[in-house]
């Protein structure tokens, strides 16, 4: 049996109260239009607020960022879910470890497809946002989420989405893709972008570009291309994405 669904991971960049072309008031409609255009079954957001998932500060404090998971209720239904902190105390809200700049979280949901035969076909989505400051915190956070994934029944498919704040040729990327070890553990995931049969934008080199998009100077483009060539010897994964969908 095979099923098909569309998944989007989207770092909304929180509302910092700034004014100008990059303010949330200016970007909001554009973000809504992008989501409406692609109409994903599953939408994982970072630096957003609401729907399923706790804030970084816990159950009774919704003032901080979430790693929310939105979903099309006509296609899937939620059967279970939760949030844990990427720290040495995963069940303690707002906890931090390993030099992290802020509390980091992972939200997970188990979904069941509607109208699929045989009934009861389920899968899990994990959404995270790794620390932007500490490489060690990113590595240990990735290890913690991978340990969560491996604790699941082997027959349960998993989608691992989020803003990882690092490229796939980093230690985090190599670990999750099964190319290096972290504390004696090796990941075993596949990058959806690299394995996609068709891409909406084959020219997309990176997902963080400081609001510049494709409109960059020649020198900056040359530096970006050189960095991509130096980092990624395997042409199938030649990119500098910091936002991934793994499975």
Protein backbone atom coordinates (compact mmCIF):
# COMPACT_ATOMS: atom_id res chain seq x y z
CA UNK A 1 0.00 0.00 0.00
CA UNK A 2 1.20 3.53 -0.77
CA UNK A 3 -0.15 6.88 0.34
CA UNK A 4 0.66 10.42 -0.75
CA UNK A 5 0.81 13.60 1.29
CA UNK A 6 2.45 17.00 1.08
CA UNK A 7 4.56 18.37 3.94
CA UNK A 8 5.90 21.89 4.49
CA UNK A 9 8.35 23.20 7.08
CA UNK A 10 8.24 26.97 7.49
CA UNK A 11 10.30 29.19 9.80
CA UNK A 12 7.96 32.17 10.12
CA UNK A 13 10.57 34.41 11.82
CA UNK A 14 8.85 35.71 14.91
CA UNK A 15 7.33 39.15 15.26
CA UNK A 16 10.13 41.20 16.81
CA UNK A 17 8.19 44.44 16.67
CA UNK A 18 10.39 45.89 13.96
CA UNK A 19 9.01 48.12 11.23
CA UNK A 20 9.76 48.18 7.53
CA UNK A 21 9.67 45.67 4.65
CA UNK A 22 10.63 42.70 6.88
CA UNK A 23 8.13 43.30 9.68
CA UNK A 24 5.56 40.63 10.43
CA UNK A 25 2.76 42.99 9.38
CA UNK A 26 4.35 43.15 5.93
CA UNK A 27 5.24 39.46 5.66
CA UNK A 28 2.04 37.98 7.09
CA UNK A 29 -0.07 37.95 3.91
CA UNK A 30 2.84 36.61 1.87
CA UNK A 31 3.28 33.73 4.32
CA UNK A 32 -0.44 32.95 4.19
CA UNK A 33 -0.38 33.01 0.38
CA UNK A 34 2.54 30.56 0.26
CA UNK A 35 0.77 28.11 2.57
CA UNK A 36 -2.49 28.45 0.60
CA UNK A 37 -0.65 27.97 -2.72
CA UNK A 38 0.91 24.64 -1.75
CA UNK A 39 -1.91 23.51 0.59
CA UNK A 40 0.19 20.96 2.52
CA UNK A 41 -1.42 18.11 4.43
CA UNK A 42 1.08 18.76 7.24
CA UNK A 43 2.53 22.20 8.05
CA UNK A 44 5.38 22.44 10.57
CA UNK A 45 6.21 25.98 11.69
CA UNK A 46 9.02 27.43 13.78
CA UNK A 47 9.04 30.76 15.61
CA UNK A 48 5.25 30.74 15.42
CA UNK A 49 2.49 30.57 17.96
CA UNK A 50 -0.46 28.24 18.40
CA UNK A 51 -2.20 25.02 17.37
CA UNK A 52 -0.65 21.72 18.47
CA UNK A 53 2.48 22.02 20.58
CA UNK A 54 3.60 23.74 23.77
CA UNK A 55 5.61 26.94 23.90
CA UNK A 56 9.26 26.86 24.89
CA UNK A 57 8.24 28.01 28.38
CA UNK A 58 5.70 25.26 28.98
CA UNK A 59 2.02 24.49 29.37
CA UNK A 60 0.89 27.58 31.24
CA UNK A 61 2.96 30.11 29.30
CA UNK A 62 2.00 30.74 25.68
CA UNK A 63 4.05 33.92 25.34
CA UNK A 64 7.07 32.23 23.77
CA UNK A 65 7.74 30.50 20.46
CA UNK A 66 6.22 27.16 19.46
CA UNK A 67 7.19 24.37 17.08
CA UNK A 68 3.60 23.97 15.94
CA UNK A 69 2.19 21.23 13.73
CA UNK A 70 -0.85 22.14 11.66
CA UNK A 71 -2.75 19.56 9.63
CA UNK A 72 -5.60 19.11 7.19
CA UNK A 73 -8.39 17.60 9.29
CA UNK A 74 -10.14 16.30 6.17
CA UNK A 75 -7.16 14.09 5.32
CA UNK A 76 -5.69 13.04 8.68
CA UNK A 77 -6.63 12.94 12.34
CA UNK A 78 -4.41 13.27 15.40
CA UNK A 79 -4.26 10.24 17.70
CA UNK A 80 -1.43 11.24 20.05
CA UNK A 81 1.20 13.92 20.54
CA UNK A 82 3.50 15.75 22.89
CA UNK A 83 6.42 18.16 23.36
CA UNK A 84 9.83 17.62 24.96
CA UNK A 85 12.76 19.93 25.60
CA UNK A 86 16.15 19.45 23.97
CA UNK A 87 18.09 19.37 27.20
CA UNK A 88 19.37 16.99 29.85
CA UNK A 89 15.88 17.27 31.41
CA UNK A 90 13.53 16.79 28.43
CA UNK A 91 10.35 16.84 30.53
CA UNK A 92 11.14 20.13 32.31
CA UNK A 93 9.69 23.21 30.57
CA UNK A 94 12.14 25.95 29.56
CA UNK A 95 15.16 23.78 30.45
CA UNK A 96 18.42 24.33 28.56
CA UNK A 97 21.72 22.45 28.34
CA UNK A 98 24.98 22.28 26.37
CA UNK A 99 25.36 26.05 26.03
CA UNK A 100 22.08 26.63 24.19
CA UNK A 101 21.11 30.28 23.78
CA UNK A 102 17.41 29.62 24.39
CA UNK A 103 15.18 26.68 25.35
CA UNK A 104 14.71 24.39 22.34
CA UNK A 105 11.85 21.95 21.85
CA UNK A 106 10.57 19.15 19.66
CA UNK A 107 6.85 18.62 19.09
CA UNK A 108 5.55 15.28 17.84
CA UNK A 109 2.17 14.08 16.61
CA UNK A 110 0.91 10.67 15.52
CA UNK A 111 -1.57 10.93 12.66
CA UNK A 112 -3.96 8.48 11.09
CA UNK A 113 -5.05 8.80 7.48
CA UNK A 114 -8.73 9.13 6.75
CA UNK A 115 -10.33 7.14 3.95
CA UNK A 116 -7.32 4.84 3.45
CA UNK A 117 -7.62 1.09 3.09
CA UNK A 118 -6.78 -0.81 5.14
CA UNK A 119 -7.93 1.57 7.91
CA UNK A 120 -5.60 2.52 10.73
CA UNK A 121 -2.55 3.50 8.66
CA UNK A 122 -0.57 5.84 10.93
CA UNK A 123 2.61 7.92 10.80
CA UNK A 124 4.43 10.36 13.09
CA UNK A 125 5.64 13.91 12.47
CA UNK A 126 8.41 15.45 14.59
CA UNK A 127 8.98 19.21 14.37
CA UNK A 128 11.96 20.98 15.97
CA UNK A 129 14.07 24.13 15.94
CA UNK A 130 17.68 23.52 16.94
CA UNK A 131 19.75 26.10 18.78
CA UNK A 132 21.25 28.91 16.70
CA UNK A 133 24.31 29.50 18.92
CA UNK A 134 25.82 26.26 20.21
CA UNK A 135 27.01 23.50 17.82
CA UNK A 136 27.08 21.11 20.79
CA UNK A 137 23.47 21.92 21.64
CA UNK A 138 22.49 21.24 18.02
CA UNK A 139 24.30 17.89 18.01
CA UNK A 140 22.82 16.76 21.32
CA UNK A 141 19.37 18.05 20.35
CA UNK A 142 19.52 16.05 17.12
CA UNK A 143 20.62 12.98 19.10
CA UNK A 144 17.73 13.42 21.53
CA UNK A 145 15.14 13.63 18.77
CA UNK A 146 16.70 10.66 16.98
CA UNK A 147 16.49 8.62 20.19
CA UNK A 148 12.81 9.55 20.38
CA UNK A 149 12.31 8.36 16.79
CA UNK A 150 14.12 5.07 17.38
CA UNK A 151 11.96 4.38 20.44
CA UNK A 152 8.94 4.07 18.14
CA UNK A 153 7.76 0.81 16.55
CA UNK A 154 9.87 0.14 13.43
CA UNK A 155 6.69 -0.13 11.37
CA UNK A 156 5.66 3.49 12.13
CA UNK A 157 6.83 5.89 9.38
CA UNK A 158 8.33 9.17 10.63
CA UNK A 159 8.75 12.62 9.10
CA UNK A 160 11.32 14.80 10.87
CA UNK A 161 10.98 18.50 10.01
CA UNK A 162 12.34 21.77 11.26
CA UNK A 163 14.79 24.62 11.30
CA UNK A 164 18.16 23.05 12.06
CA UNK A 165 20.31 26.22 11.90
CA UNK A 166 23.05 24.30 10.12
CA UNK A 167 23.72 22.66 6.75
CA UNK A 168 23.54 18.98 6.00
CA UNK A 169 27.31 18.70 5.68
CA UNK A 170 27.66 19.75 9.32
CA UNK A 171 28.09 17.22 12.11
CA UNK A 172 24.32 17.33 12.75
CA UNK A 173 23.52 16.60 9.12
CA UNK A 174 26.07 13.82 8.78
CA UNK A 175 24.80 12.22 11.98
CA UNK A 176 21.11 12.26 11.03
CA UNK A 177 21.86 11.02 7.51
CA UNK A 178 23.86 8.08 8.86
CA UNK A 179 27.33 9.32 7.91
CA UNK A 180 28.83 9.92 11.37
CA UNK A 181 28.35 9.02 15.03
CA UNK A 182 27.14 11.05 17.97
CA UNK A 183 27.87 9.43 21.33
CA UNK A 184 28.19 6.07 19.57
CA UNK A 185 24.84 6.43 17.78
CA UNK A 186 24.31 6.68 14.00
CA UNK A 187 21.18 8.17 12.44
CA UNK A 188 19.39 6.61 9.49
CA UNK A 189 17.29 9.25 7.73
CA UNK A 190 16.86 10.43 4.13
CA UNK A 191 16.66 14.03 2.92
CA UNK A 192 13.39 14.64 1.07
CA UNK A 193 14.90 17.48 -0.99
CA UNK A 194 17.77 15.39 -2.31
CA UNK A 195 15.54 12.42 -3.13
CA UNK A 196 12.62 14.39 -4.62
CA UNK A 197 11.69 13.44 -8.18
CA UNK A 198 10.65 17.03 -8.92
CA UNK A 199 11.49 20.31 -7.19
CA UNK A 200 9.47 23.51 -7.35
CA UNK A 201 12.69 25.53 -7.53
CA UNK A 202 15.79 23.70 -8.73
CA UNK A 203 17.84 26.90 -8.22
CA UNK A 204 17.14 27.04 -4.48
CA UNK A 205 20.56 26.76 -2.82
CA UNK A 206 19.71 27.81 0.71
CA UNK A 207 16.65 28.51 2.83
CA UNK A 208 18.20 31.27 4.95
CA UNK A 209 19.19 34.27 2.87
CA UNK A 210 18.40 37.32 5.02
CA UNK A 211 15.29 38.18 2.97
CA UNK A 212 17.39 38.57 -0.19
CA UNK A 213 16.00 35.57 -2.07
CA UNK A 214 17.61 35.25 -5.49
CA UNK A 215 18.37 38.98 -5.61
CA UNK A 216 22.00 38.90 -4.53
CA UNK A 217 25.15 40.51 -5.85
CA UNK A 218 27.57 38.66 -8.14
CA UNK A 219 30.32 38.47 -5.49
CA UNK A 220 27.93 37.06 -2.89
CA UNK A 221 26.60 34.49 -5.37
CA UNK A 222 30.15 33.43 -6.25
CA UNK A 223 31.04 33.01 -2.56
CA UNK A 224 27.85 31.01 -2.00
CA UNK A 225 28.58 28.69 -4.92
CA UNK A 226 32.17 28.15 -3.77
CA UNK A 227 31.00 27.35 -0.25
CA UNK A 228 28.48 24.87 -1.60
CA UNK A 229 31.16 23.16 -3.71
CA UNK A 230 33.58 22.94 -0.79
CA UNK A 231 30.98 21.64 1.66
CA UNK A 232 29.12 19.20 -0.55
CA UNK A 233 31.17 16.75 -2.58
CA UNK A 234 28.09 14.62 -3.18
CA UNK A 235 26.22 16.55 -5.89
CA UNK A 236 22.91 14.97 -4.87
CA UNK A 237 22.96 17.01 -1.66
CA UNK A 238 24.75 20.10 -2.91
CA UNK A 239 22.91 22.81 -1.00
CA UNK A 240 23.16 24.97 2.08
CA UNK A 241 19.63 24.47 3.41
CA UNK A 242 19.14 24.95 7.13
CA UNK A 243 15.47 23.86 7.00
CA UNK A 244 14.91 20.18 6.28
CA UNK A 245 12.29 17.50 5.83
CA UNK A 246 13.75 14.07 6.62
CA UNK A 247 12.13 10.66 6.59
